[in-house]
C-alpha atoms as a PDB file:
ATOM      1  CA  MET A   1      -0.087  -0.061   0.142  1.00  0.00           C
ATOM      2  CA  ASN A   2       0.982   3.642  -0.600  1.00  0.00           C
ATOM      3  CA  ALA A   3      -0.521   4.962   2.820  1.00  0.00           C
ATOM      4  CA  ARG A   4       2.299   6.042   5.246  1.00  0.00           C
ATOM      5  CA  PRO A   5       1.974   5.075   8.835  1.00  0.00           C
ATOM      6  CA  GLU A   6       0.853   7.670  11.323  1.00  0.00           C
ATOM      7  CA  GLY A   7       3.900   9.775  12.826  1.00  0.00           C
ATOM      8  CA  PHE A   8       5.992   9.225   9.552  1.00  0.00           C
ATOM      9  CA  GLY A   9       8.351  12.273   8.970  1.00  0.00           C
ATOM     10  CA  VAL A  10      10.491  12.823   6.044  1.00  0.00           C
ATOM     11  CA  LEU A  11      13.214  14.017   8.560  1.00  0.00           C
ATOM     12  CA  ARG A  12      15.541  11.784  10.347  1.00  0.00           C
ATOM     13  CA  GLY A  13      15.069   8.501   8.273  1.00  0.00           C
ATOM     14  CA  GLY A  14      11.300   8.456   8.977  1.00  0.00           C
ATOM     15  CA  ALA A  15      11.314   9.080  12.632  1.00  0.00           C
ATOM     16  CA  PRO A  16       9.049  12.059  13.676  1.00  0.00           C
ATOM     17  CA  PRO A  17      11.076  15.188  14.334  1.00  0.00           C
ATOM     18  CA  SER A  18      11.882  16.062  17.847  1.00  0.00           C
ATOM     19  CA  THR A  19      10.470  18.894  19.655  1.00  0.00           C
ATOM     20  CA  ASP A  20      14.189  20.293  20.482  1.00  0.00           C
ATOM     21  CA  SER A  21      15.283  20.470  17.023  1.00  0.00           C
ATOM     22  CA  TRP A  22      14.357  24.187  16.532  1.00  0.00           C
ATOM     23  CA  ARG A  23      15.098  25.642  19.997  1.00  0.00           C
ATOM     24  CA  LEU A  24      15.729  29.551  20.136  1.00  0.00           C
ATOM     25  CA  PRO A  25      19.137  30.570  21.093  1.00  0.00           C
ATOM     26  CA  PRO A  26      19.329  32.705  24.418  1.00  0.00           C
ATOM     27  CA  LEU A  27      18.006  36.107  24.053  1.00  0.00           C
ATOM     28  CA  TRP A  28      21.471  37.726  24.522  1.00  0.00           C
ATOM     29  CA  VAL A  29      22.930  35.873  21.417  1.00  0.00           C
ATOM     30  CA  LEU A  30      19.782  37.340  19.477  1.00  0.00           C
ATOM     31  CA  LEU A  31      20.361  40.793  20.683  1.00  0.00           C
ATOM     32  CA  VAL A  32      24.310  40.727  19.787  1.00  0.00           C
ATOM     33  CA  GLY A  33      23.319  39.550  16.349  1.00  0.00           C
ATOM     34  CA  VAL A  34      20.863  42.408  15.823  1.00  0.00           C
ATOM     35  CA  LEU A  35      23.160  45.006  17.021  1.00  0.00           C
ATOM     36  CA  ALA A  36      26.055  43.526  14.731  1.00  0.00           C
ATOM     37  CA  ILE A  37      23.672  43.875  11.745  1.00  0.00           C
ATOM     38  CA  ALA A  38      22.698  47.236  12.787  1.00  0.00           C
ATOM     39  CA  ALA A  39      26.350  48.438  13.302  1.00  0.00           C
ATOM     40  CA  ALA A  40      27.328  47.028   9.872  1.00  0.00           C
ATOM     41  CA  GLU A  41      24.358  48.757   8.260  1.00  0.00           C
ATOM     42  CA  ALA A  42      25.244  52.229   9.839  1.00  0.00           C
ATOM     43  CA  GLY A  43      28.907  51.675   8.829  1.00  0.00           C
ATOM     44  CA  GLY A  44      28.184  50.622   5.236  1.00  0.00           C
ATOM     45  CA  GLY A  45      25.912  53.883   5.161  1.00  0.00           C
ATOM     46  CA  ALA A  46      28.480  56.055   6.408  1.00  0.00           C
ATOM     47  CA  MET A  47      31.294  54.589   3.919  1.00  0.00           C
ATOM     48  CA  ALA A  48      28.722  55.393   1.128  1.00  0.00           C
ATOM     49  CA  GLN A  49      28.199  58.776   2.171  1.00  0.00           C
ATOM     50  CA  PHE A  50      31.781  59.689   2.542  1.00  0.00           C
ATOM     51  CA  LYS A  51      33.132  57.565  -0.270  1.00  0.00           C
ATOM     52  CA  VAL A  52      34.634  60.528  -2.181  1.00  0.00           C
ATOM     53  CA  GLU A  53      36.187  62.051   0.939  1.00  0.00           C
ATOM     54  CA  LEU A  54      37.757  58.799   1.711  1.00  0.00           C
ATOM     55  CA  ALA A  55      39.213  58.171  -1.595  1.00  0.00           C
ATOM     56  CA  ARG A  56      40.769  61.580  -1.571  1.00  0.00           C
ATOM     57  CA  TRP A  57      42.162  61.086   1.869  1.00  0.00           C
ATOM     58  CA  ALA A  58      43.754  57.772   1.152  1.00  0.00           C
ATOM     59  CA  ARG A  59      45.195  59.021  -1.989  1.00  0.00           C
ATOM     60  CA  GLY A  60      46.858  61.791   0.043  1.00  0.00           C
ATOM     61  CA  VAL A  61      48.155  59.500   2.678  1.00  0.00           C
ATOM     62  CA  ASN A  62      49.618  56.606   0.816  1.00  0.00           C
ATOM     63  CA  PRO A  63      52.419  58.452  -0.932  1.00  0.00           C
ATOM     64  CA  ALA A  64      53.383  60.003   2.522  1.00  0.00           C
ATOM     65  CA  HIS A  65      53.927  56.637   4.057  1.00  0.00           C
ATOM     66  CA  ALA A  66      55.634  54.865   0.803  1.00  0.00           C
ATOM     67  CA  ASP A  67      59.086  54.769   2.716  1.00  0.00           C
ATOM     68  CA  THR A  68      57.938  52.699   5.588  1.00  0.00           C
ATOM     69  CA  VAL A  69      57.001  49.633   3.418  1.00  0.00           C
END
């Protein structure tokens, strides 16, 4: 017959999925992740806003320190 037995799951070789397979991490881990993403977004926005000024600064600073390489 083609009928599947009750409780048959596709994951884990046919065993029903356990309830602890999708536990949430601690709240502090989620908070750190959200803060890291927010900081990266703010940093990327600042880099895009000041791209021309940063390029000019980098071109001016690079020849000044050529003797240290």
